[in-house]
Protein backbone atom coordinates (compact mmCIF):
# COMPACT_ATOMS: atom_id res chain seq x y z
CA MET A 1 17.00 24.64 85.43
CA PRO A 2 20.54 25.87 86.12
CA ASP A 3 22.88 26.91 83.34
CA HIS A 4 25.52 24.35 82.48
CA ILE A 5 29.19 24.90 81.70
CA TYR A 6 30.83 22.39 79.38
CA LYS A 7 34.40 21.41 78.63
CA LYS A 8 35.53 19.71 75.41
CA ILE A 9 38.30 17.18 75.09
CA GLU A 10 39.68 15.42 72.03
CA LEU A 11 40.06 11.64 71.92
CA THR A 12 41.25 9.22 69.25
CA GLY A 13 39.92 5.69 69.33
CA SER A 14 40.99 2.81 67.13
CA SER A 15 39.52 -0.51 66.11
CA THR A 16 40.05 -3.28 63.60
CA ALA A 17 36.25 -3.69 63.36
CA GLY A 18 35.23 -0.28 62.02
CA LEU A 19 34.46 3.38 62.63
CA GLN A 20 31.65 2.93 65.13
CA GLN A 21 33.70 0.56 67.26
CA ALA A 22 36.62 3.02 67.25
CA ILE A 23 34.29 5.76 68.53
CA GLU A 24 32.78 3.46 71.15
CA ASN A 25 36.25 2.38 72.32
CA ALA A 26 37.32 5.99 72.87
CA ILE A 27 34.14 6.98 74.71
CA SER A 28 34.04 3.81 76.79
CA LYS A 29 37.63 4.27 77.99
CA ALA A 30 37.09 7.97 78.75
CA SER A 31 33.90 7.24 80.71
CA LYS A 32 36.00 5.44 83.34
CA THR A 33 37.51 8.76 84.48
CA ILE A 34 35.35 11.50 82.95
CA HIS A 35 31.80 11.90 84.20
CA ASP A 36 28.72 13.62 82.75
CA MET A 37 29.77 13.26 79.12
CA ARG A 38 26.93 14.74 77.05
CA TRP A 39 27.82 14.68 73.34
CA PHE A 40 30.50 13.94 70.77
CA GLU A 41 31.38 15.09 67.28
CA VAL A 42 33.59 13.27 64.80
CA VAL A 43 36.37 15.58 63.62
CA GLU A 44 38.67 13.22 61.75
CA THR A 45 38.72 9.69 60.38
CA ARG A 46 41.76 7.86 59.13
CA GLY A 47 43.17 4.38 59.08
CA ASP A 48 46.23 2.21 59.04
CA ILE A 49 46.93 0.06 55.99
CA ALA A 50 48.89 -3.19 56.12
CA ASP A 51 49.42 -5.54 53.19
CA GLY A 52 46.97 -3.56 51.06
CA LYS A 53 44.12 -3.90 53.58
CA ILE A 54 42.69 -1.75 56.35
CA ALA A 55 44.38 -2.83 59.57
CA HIS A 56 42.90 -0.27 61.96
CA TRP A 57 40.32 2.49 61.83
CA GLN A 58 41.24 5.62 63.77
CA VAL A 59 38.57 8.17 64.66
CA THR A 60 39.16 11.46 66.46
CA VAL A 61 36.17 12.82 68.37
CA LYS A 62 35.57 15.88 70.49
CA VAL A 63 33.58 15.02 73.60
CA GLY A 64 31.70 17.55 75.68
CA PHE A 65 31.01 17.04 79.36
CA SER A 66 29.42 19.09 82.14
CA LEU A 67 31.62 20.61 84.78
CA ASP A 68 30.61 19.93 88.39
CA GLU A 69 28.70 22.60 90.25
């Protein structure tokens, strides 16, 4: 098995539905141009408040992917 080299990027996804959907939105969008994504870690959560209610969830994730050989 060859050794792998990884690169990490930081993404912020948002959603009105919740944290998981915000993460999935970020990863789904990134997967259209970034290949071989292997893992993610949540580094920050925050939200937007409007009229005393949560309007959007915002989640920042670091995503690791393999570099091509």
